[in-house]
Amino acid sequence: MNVAARNPVADRTATPARASRPTDRFEETDMLFDVRTYTCRPGSIRKQMELYEEMGWEPQRRNLGEPLFYGACETGDPNKYVHIWVYENAGDRETKRAAMMADPDWQKYLAASAEAGWLIAQENKLMVNAPFFESSVRPK
């Protein structure tokens, strides 16, 4: 028997087996975790957090619900903070974020934050739970 017949990897024309990934089990009913990391100019994170608390906290929670987590780095880069939002699915995220973007109070916060210029980078990751993990957190 030739090697290609026994081993599809050896035969580059064979249909490749699908790799197993945590997202292979993603279903429409799985929750979506939006992990957002922001980097501030050195020395400005306290000012940025104060501005957010004063102008952004209420309109964001009003539109997105309560975050799973919101905090600053204790170790690593002291100029970063992270927040995690939980959604029922991608459609729920899209609907809630559209409502937030239409909120005049949120727009005022965005304008004040841009004018301050303390934010220099943003990273977003949309994540689903691992197949073996059942979160007790539910979106509101």
N, C-alpha and C. Protein backbone atom coordinates (compact mmCIF):
# COMPACT_ATOMS: atom_id res chain seq x y z
N MET A 1 0.86 -1.17 0.00
CA MET A 1 0.00 0.00 0.00
C MET A 1 0.90 1.23 0.00
N ASN A 2 0.57 2.20 -0.84
CA ASN A 2 1.43 3.39 -0.86
C ASN A 2 1.10 4.32 0.32
N VAL A 3 2.05 5.16 0.68
CA VAL A 3 1.93 6.02 1.86
C VAL A 3 0.75 6.98 1.72
N ALA A 4 0.54 7.54 0.53
CA ALA A 4 -0.55 8.49 0.33
C ALA A 4 -1.90 7.85 0.58
N ALA A 5 -2.06 6.60 0.29
CA ALA A 5 -3.34 5.92 0.51
C ALA A 5 -3.61 5.75 2.00
N ARG A 6 -2.57 5.56 2.78
CA ARG A 6 -2.74 5.38 4.22
C ARG A 6 -2.77 6.70 4.97
N ASN A 7 -2.15 7.73 4.42
CA ASN A 7 -1.96 8.97 5.13
C ASN A 7 -2.35 10.16 4.25
N PRO A 8 -3.53 10.73 4.49
CA PRO A 8 -3.97 11.86 3.65
C PRO A 8 -3.03 13.06 3.71
N VAL A 9 -2.24 13.20 4.77
CA VAL A 9 -1.30 14.32 4.87
C VAL A 9 -0.22 14.18 3.80
N ALA A 10 0.15 12.95 3.51
CA ALA A 10 1.18 12.71 2.49
C ALA A 10 0.66 13.03 1.09
N ASP A 11 -0.65 12.95 0.88
CA ASP A 11 -1.25 13.24 -0.42
C ASP A 11 -1.83 14.65 -0.36
N ARG A 12 -1.16 15.61 -0.92
CA ARG A 12 -1.58 17.01 -0.87
C ARG A 12 -2.90 17.26 -1.60
N THR A 13 -3.38 16.30 -2.40
CA THR A 13 -4.64 16.49 -3.10
C THR A 13 -5.81 15.96 -2.29
N ALA A 14 -5.55 15.26 -1.19
CA ALA A 14 -6.62 14.73 -0.36
C ALA A 14 -7.32 15.87 0.36
N THR A 15 -8.59 15.67 0.68
CA THR A 15 -9.34 16.66 1.44
C THR A 15 -8.78 16.69 2.85
N PRO A 16 -8.31 17.84 3.31
CA PRO A 16 -7.70 17.89 4.64
C PRO A 16 -8.75 17.69 5.73
N ALA A 17 -8.34 17.03 6.80
CA ALA A 17 -9.21 16.88 7.95
C ALA A 17 -9.34 18.24 8.61
N ARG A 18 -10.51 18.54 9.12
CA ARG A 18 -10.73 19.82 9.78
C ARG A 18 -10.07 19.81 11.14
N ALA A 19 -9.31 20.84 11.43
CA ALA A 19 -8.64 20.95 12.72
C ALA A 19 -9.68 21.20 13.80
N SER A 20 -9.47 20.66 14.95
CA SER A 20 -10.36 20.88 16.08
C SER A 20 -9.94 22.16 16.79
N ARG A 21 -10.87 23.08 16.92
CA ARG A 21 -10.62 24.34 17.60
C ARG A 21 -11.73 24.55 18.61
N PRO A 22 -11.50 25.35 19.65
CA PRO A 22 -12.58 25.63 20.60
C PRO A 22 -13.83 26.18 19.92
N THR A 23 -13.65 26.95 18.85
CA THR A 23 -14.82 27.54 18.18
C THR A 23 -15.58 26.54 17.31
N ASP A 24 -15.04 25.32 17.11
CA ASP A 24 -15.76 24.32 16.33
C ASP A 24 -17.10 23.98 16.97
N ARG A 25 -17.21 24.13 18.28
CA ARG A 25 -18.44 23.79 18.97
C ARG A 25 -19.35 25.01 19.16
N PHE A 26 -18.93 26.16 18.62
CA PHE A 26 -19.71 27.39 18.77
C PHE A 26 -21.08 27.22 18.15
N GLU A 27 -22.06 27.56 18.91
CA GLU A 27 -23.43 27.51 18.44
C GLU A 27 -24.03 28.90 18.61
N GLU A 28 -25.10 29.15 17.92
CA GLU A 28 -25.77 30.46 18.00
C GLU A 28 -26.17 30.79 19.43
N THR A 29 -26.39 29.79 20.27
CA THR A 29 -26.83 30.03 21.63
C THR A 29 -25.67 30.29 22.60
N ASP A 30 -24.43 30.08 22.17
CA ASP A 30 -23.28 30.33 23.03
C ASP A 30 -23.12 31.82 23.28
N MET A 31 -22.61 32.14 24.46
CA MET A 31 -22.36 33.54 24.78
C MET A 31 -21.10 34.02 24.08
N LEU A 32 -21.04 35.32 23.90
CA LEU A 32 -19.90 35.96 23.27
C LEU A 32 -19.29 36.91 24.30
N PHE A 33 -17.99 36.77 24.54
CA PHE A 33 -17.27 37.63 25.47
C PHE A 33 -16.45 38.63 24.66
N ASP A 34 -16.67 39.90 24.92
CA ASP A 34 -15.95 40.98 24.23
C ASP A 34 -14.89 41.50 25.20
N VAL A 35 -13.64 41.11 24.96
CA VAL A 35 -12.51 41.49 25.81
C VAL A 35 -11.83 42.68 25.17
N ARG A 36 -11.87 43.81 25.85
CA ARG A 36 -11.38 45.06 25.29
C ARG A 36 -10.22 45.58 26.16
N THR A 37 -9.08 45.79 25.53
CA THR A 37 -7.89 46.29 26.23
C THR A 37 -7.50 47.64 25.63
N TYR A 38 -7.33 48.62 26.50
CA TYR A 38 -6.97 49.97 26.07
C TYR A 38 -5.62 50.34 26.67
N THR A 39 -4.83 51.06 25.91
CA THR A 39 -3.54 51.56 26.38
C THR A 39 -3.60 53.08 26.42
N CYS A 40 -3.18 53.64 27.54
CA CYS A 40 -3.15 55.10 27.73
C CYS A 40 -1.72 55.61 27.61
N ARG A 41 -1.61 56.88 27.31
CA ARG A 41 -0.30 57.52 27.34
C ARG A 41 0.26 57.37 28.76
N PRO A 42 1.58 57.15 28.88
CA PRO A 42 2.17 57.02 30.22
C PRO A 42 1.77 58.17 31.13
N GLY A 43 1.35 57.81 32.32
CA GLY A 43 0.97 58.81 33.32
C GLY A 43 -0.45 59.34 33.21
N SER A 44 -1.24 58.84 32.26
CA SER A 44 -2.58 59.41 32.07
C SER A 44 -3.72 58.45 32.40
N ILE A 45 -3.43 57.22 32.84
CA ILE A 45 -4.50 56.24 33.03
C ILE A 45 -5.50 56.69 34.11
N ARG A 46 -5.02 57.30 35.17
CA ARG A 46 -5.95 57.76 36.22
C ARG A 46 -6.90 58.82 35.67
N LYS A 47 -6.36 59.74 34.87
CA LYS A 47 -7.20 60.78 34.28
C LYS A 47 -8.23 60.17 33.34
N GLN A 48 -7.80 59.19 32.53
CA GLN A 48 -8.72 58.54 31.60
C GLN A 48 -9.82 57.81 32.36
N MET A 49 -9.47 57.10 33.42
CA MET A 49 -10.46 56.36 34.22
C MET A 49 -11.42 57.33 34.91
N GLU A 50 -10.93 58.46 35.37
CA GLU A 50 -11.81 59.47 35.98
C GLU A 50 -12.79 60.03 34.96
N LEU A 51 -12.30 60.32 33.77
CA LEU A 51 -13.17 60.82 32.70
C LEU A 51 -14.24 59.79 32.36
N TYR A 52 -13.82 58.54 32.24
CA TYR A 52 -14.78 57.48 31.93
C TYR A 52 -15.82 57.34 33.04
N GLU A 53 -15.37 57.35 34.29
CA GLU A 53 -16.30 57.21 35.41
C GLU A 53 -17.32 58.35 35.41
N GLU A 54 -16.84 59.55 35.11
CA GLU A 54 -17.70 60.74 35.11
C GLU A 54 -18.68 60.77 33.92
N MET A 55 -18.21 60.37 32.74
CA MET A 55 -19.03 60.56 31.53
C MET A 55 -19.42 59.28 30.78
N GLY A 56 -18.63 58.21 30.91
CA GLY A 56 -18.86 57.03 30.09
C GLY A 56 -19.50 55.85 30.79
N TRP A 57 -19.28 55.71 32.08
CA TRP A 57 -19.74 54.55 32.84
C TRP A 57 -21.25 54.35 32.74
N GLU A 58 -22.01 55.37 33.03
CA GLU A 58 -23.48 55.24 33.01
C GLU A 58 -24.04 54.95 31.62
N PRO A 59 -23.69 55.72 30.59
CA PRO A 59 -24.27 55.40 29.28
C PRO A 59 -23.84 54.04 28.74
N GLN A 60 -22.61 53.61 29.05
CA GLN A 60 -22.18 52.30 28.56
C GLN A 60 -22.96 51.19 29.26
N ARG A 61 -23.11 51.27 30.57
CA ARG A 61 -23.87 50.26 31.30
C ARG A 61 -25.35 50.30 30.94
N ARG A 62 -25.86 51.48 30.71
CA ARG A 62 -27.27 51.62 30.33
C ARG A 62 -27.56 50.87 29.03
N ASN A 63 -26.60 50.87 28.12
CA ASN A 63 -26.80 50.25 26.81
C ASN A 63 -26.30 48.80 26.72
N LEU A 64 -25.22 48.48 27.40
CA LEU A 64 -24.62 47.15 27.27
C LEU A 64 -24.94 46.22 28.43
N GLY A 65 -25.43 46.75 29.54
CA GLY A 65 -25.61 45.96 30.75
C GLY A 65 -24.36 46.04 31.60
N GLU A 66 -24.30 45.23 32.64
CA GLU A 66 -23.14 45.24 33.54
C GLU A 66 -21.98 44.48 32.91
N PRO A 67 -20.78 45.01 33.00
CA PRO A 67 -19.62 44.27 32.49
C PRO A 67 -19.30 43.09 33.41
N LEU A 68 -18.67 42.08 32.83
CA LEU A 68 -18.18 40.96 33.63
C LEU A 68 -16.99 41.43 34.47
N PHE A 69 -16.17 42.31 33.88
CA PHE A 69 -14.98 42.81 34.56
C PHE A 69 -14.62 44.17 33.99
N TYR A 70 -14.07 45.01 34.85
CA TYR A 70 -13.54 46.32 34.44
C TYR A 70 -12.40 46.63 35.39
N GLY A 71 -11.18 46.75 34.92
CA GLY A 71 -10.08 47.03 35.83
C GLY A 71 -8.79 47.39 35.13
N ALA A 72 -7.86 47.88 35.94
CA ALA A 72 -6.53 48.28 35.45
C ALA A 72 -5.53 47.18 35.75
N CYS A 73 -4.44 47.16 35.01
CA CYS A 73 -3.40 46.15 35.19
C CYS A 73 -2.69 46.35 36.53
N GLU A 74 -2.56 45.29 37.26
CA GLU A 74 -1.82 45.30 38.52
C GLU A 74 -0.35 44.98 38.25
N THR A 75 -0.09 44.09 37.29
CA THR A 75 1.27 43.77 36.88
C THR A 75 1.34 43.92 35.37
N GLY A 76 2.52 43.98 34.84
CA GLY A 76 2.65 44.19 33.40
C GLY A 76 2.62 45.67 33.08
N ASP A 77 2.00 46.03 31.99
CA ASP A 77 1.96 47.42 31.54
C ASP A 77 0.99 48.23 32.41
N PRO A 78 1.50 49.19 33.21
CA PRO A 78 0.63 49.97 34.09
C PRO A 78 -0.24 50.99 33.35
N ASN A 79 -0.08 51.08 32.05
CA ASN A 79 -0.86 52.04 31.26
C ASN A 79 -2.04 51.39 30.57
N LYS A 80 -2.36 50.14 30.93
CA LYS A 80 -3.46 49.41 30.28
C LYS A 80 -4.60 49.15 31.24
N TYR A 81 -5.79 49.13 30.67
CA TYR A 81 -6.95 48.67 31.42
C TYR A 81 -7.79 47.78 30.51
N VAL A 82 -8.58 46.92 31.14
CA VAL A 82 -9.34 45.91 30.42
C VAL A 82 -10.78 45.93 30.90
N HIS A 83 -11.70 45.72 29.98
CA HIS A 83 -13.07 45.44 30.39
C HIS A 83 -13.63 44.32 29.52
N ILE A 84 -14.53 43.54 30.12
CA ILE A 84 -15.11 42.39 29.45
C ILE A 84 -16.63 42.51 29.52
N TRP A 85 -17.25 42.44 28.35
CA TRP A 85 -18.71 42.50 28.24
C TRP A 85 -19.20 41.15 27.74
N VAL A 86 -20.37 40.75 28.18
CA VAL A 86 -20.94 39.46 27.80
C VAL A 86 -22.21 39.69 27.01
N TYR A 87 -22.30 39.00 25.88
CA TYR A 87 -23.48 39.10 25.01
C TYR A 87 -24.05 37.71 24.76
N GLU A 88 -25.33 37.67 24.45
CA GLU A 88 -25.97 36.39 24.13
C GLU A 88 -25.36 35.78 22.87
N ASN A 89 -25.04 36.64 21.90
CA ASN A 89 -24.49 36.20 20.61
C ASN A 89 -24.05 37.45 19.84
N ALA A 90 -23.60 37.28 18.62
CA ALA A 90 -23.12 38.41 17.82
C ALA A 90 -24.24 39.41 17.53
N GLY A 91 -25.46 38.93 17.32
CA GLY A 91 -26.58 39.82 17.06
C GLY A 91 -26.90 40.69 18.26
N ASP A 92 -26.85 40.11 19.45
CA ASP A 92 -27.08 40.86 20.68
C ASP A 92 -26.02 41.95 20.84
N ARG A 93 -24.77 41.60 20.55
CA ARG A 93 -23.68 42.59 20.64
C ARG A 93 -23.93 43.73 19.65
N GLU A 94 -24.26 43.38 18.42
CA GLU A 94 -24.49 44.40 17.39
C GLU A 94 -25.63 45.34 17.78
N THR A 95 -26.72 44.80 18.28
CA THR A 95 -27.87 45.61 18.68
C THR A 95 -27.53 46.55 19.83
N LYS A 96 -26.89 46.01 20.86
CA LYS A 96 -26.55 46.82 22.03
C LYS A 96 -25.52 47.90 21.71
N ARG A 97 -24.52 47.55 20.91
CA ARG A 97 -23.50 48.54 20.57
C ARG A 97 -24.06 49.64 19.66
N ALA A 98 -25.00 49.29 18.78
CA ALA A 98 -25.64 50.30 17.93
C ALA A 98 -26.44 51.28 18.80
N ALA A 99 -27.15 50.75 19.80
CA ALA A 99 -27.90 51.62 20.70
C ALA A 99 -26.95 52.55 21.47
N MET A 100 -25.83 52.01 21.91
CA MET A 100 -24.86 52.83 22.64
C MET A 100 -24.30 53.93 21.73
N MET A 101 -23.97 53.59 20.51
CA MET A 101 -23.42 54.60 19.59
C MET A 101 -24.43 55.69 19.26
N ALA A 102 -25.71 55.39 19.38
CA ALA A 102 -26.75 56.39 19.13
C ALA A 102 -27.08 57.22 20.38
N ASP A 103 -26.53 56.86 21.51
CA ASP A 103 -26.80 57.53 22.78
C ASP A 103 -26.02 58.85 22.83
N PRO A 104 -26.70 59.98 22.96
CA PRO A 104 -26.01 61.29 23.00
C PRO A 104 -25.00 61.40 24.16
N ASP A 105 -25.31 60.78 25.30
CA ASP A 105 -24.37 60.83 26.42
C ASP A 105 -23.08 60.07 26.09
N TRP A 106 -23.19 58.93 25.38
CA TRP A 106 -22.01 58.19 24.98
C TRP A 106 -21.19 58.99 23.97
N GLN A 107 -21.87 59.67 23.07
CA GLN A 107 -21.18 60.50 22.08
C GLN A 107 -20.42 61.64 22.75
N LYS A 108 -21.00 62.21 23.81
CA LYS A 108 -20.31 63.27 24.57
C LYS A 108 -19.04 62.72 25.21
N TYR A 109 -19.14 61.51 25.77
CA TYR A 109 -17.95 60.89 26.36
C TYR A 109 -16.88 60.66 25.30
N LEU A 110 -17.27 60.10 24.15
CA LEU A 110 -16.30 59.83 23.08
C LEU A 110 -15.60 61.11 22.64
N ALA A 111 -16.36 62.19 22.54
CA ALA A 111 -15.77 63.46 22.12
C ALA A 111 -14.78 63.97 23.18
N ALA A 112 -15.16 63.88 24.45
CA ALA A 112 -14.27 64.34 25.53
C ALA A 112 -13.01 63.47 25.60
N SER A 113 -13.18 62.16 25.41
CA SER A 113 -12.03 61.26 25.44
C SER A 113 -11.08 61.55 24.27
N ALA A 114 -11.63 61.77 23.10
CA ALA A 114 -10.79 62.08 21.93
C ALA A 114 -10.05 63.41 22.14
N GLU A 115 -10.76 64.38 22.71
CA GLU A 115 -10.13 65.69 22.94
C GLU A 115 -8.99 65.57 23.96
N ALA A 116 -9.18 64.75 24.98
CA ALA A 116 -8.14 64.56 26.00
C ALA A 116 -6.90 63.89 25.39
N GLY A 117 -7.11 62.94 24.49
CA GLY A 117 -6.01 62.29 23.80
C GLY A 117 -5.20 61.32 24.64
N TRP A 118 -5.78 60.80 25.70
CA TRP A 118 -5.04 59.90 26.58
C TRP A 118 -4.98 58.47 26.06
N LEU A 119 -5.95 58.07 25.24
CA LEU A 119 -5.94 56.71 24.70
C LEU A 119 -5.07 56.65 23.46
N ILE A 120 -4.15 55.67 23.42
CA ILE A 120 -3.27 55.56 22.26
C ILE A 120 -3.42 54.23 21.52
N ALA A 121 -4.09 53.24 22.14
CA ALA A 121 -4.27 51.95 21.46
C ALA A 121 -5.48 51.24 22.04
N GLN A 122 -6.07 50.39 21.20
CA GLN A 122 -7.22 49.59 21.60
C GLN A 122 -7.09 48.22 20.94
N GLU A 123 -7.40 47.17 21.71
CA GLU A 123 -7.41 45.81 21.17
C GLU A 123 -8.70 45.15 21.61
N ASN A 124 -9.41 44.56 20.68
CA ASN A 124 -10.65 43.85 20.98
C ASN A 124 -10.51 42.40 20.59
N LYS A 125 -11.01 41.52 21.44
CA LYS A 125 -11.07 40.09 21.13
C LYS A 125 -12.47 39.62 21.43
N LEU A 126 -13.11 38.99 20.47
CA LEU A 126 -14.40 38.36 20.69
C LEU A 126 -14.12 36.89 20.94
N MET A 127 -14.57 36.40 22.10
CA MET A 127 -14.22 35.04 22.51
C MET A 127 -15.47 34.25 22.89
N VAL A 128 -15.39 32.94 22.72
CA VAL A 128 -16.42 32.02 23.19
C VAL A 128 -15.78 31.12 24.24
N ASN A 129 -16.62 30.57 25.10
CA ASN A 129 -16.08 29.71 26.14
C ASN A 129 -15.55 28.39 25.56
N ALA A 130 -14.58 27.82 26.26
CA ALA A 130 -14.03 26.52 25.88
C ALA A 130 -15.13 25.46 26.03
N PRO A 131 -15.05 24.37 25.29
CA PRO A 131 -16.09 23.34 25.32
C PRO A 131 -16.38 22.79 26.72
N PHE A 132 -15.39 22.76 27.59
CA PHE A 132 -15.56 22.18 28.92
C PHE A 132 -15.99 23.20 29.97
N PHE A 133 -16.07 24.48 29.60
CA PHE A 133 -16.36 25.55 30.56
C PHE A 133 -17.80 26.03 30.42
N GLU A 134 -18.52 26.01 31.51
CA GLU A 134 -19.87 26.56 31.54
C GLU A 134 -19.84 27.79 32.45
N SER A 135 -20.02 28.95 31.89
CA SER A 135 -20.00 30.18 32.66
C SER A 135 -21.30 30.34 33.43
N SER A 136 -21.19 30.84 34.66
CA SER A 136 -22.38 31.14 35.45
C SER A 136 -22.90 32.54 35.14
N VAL A 137 -22.15 33.30 34.34
CA VAL A 137 -22.53 34.66 33.98
C VAL A 137 -23.47 34.62 32.79
N ARG A 138 -24.51 35.42 32.86
CA ARG A 138 -25.46 35.54 31.75
C ARG A 138 -25.60 37.03 31.39
N PRO A 139 -25.71 37.34 30.10
CA PRO A 139 -25.91 38.75 29.72
C PRO A 139 -27.24 39.27 30.26
N LYS A 140 -27.27 40.56 30.52
CA LYS A 140 -28.51 41.19 31.03
C LYS A 140 -29.10 42.10 30.00
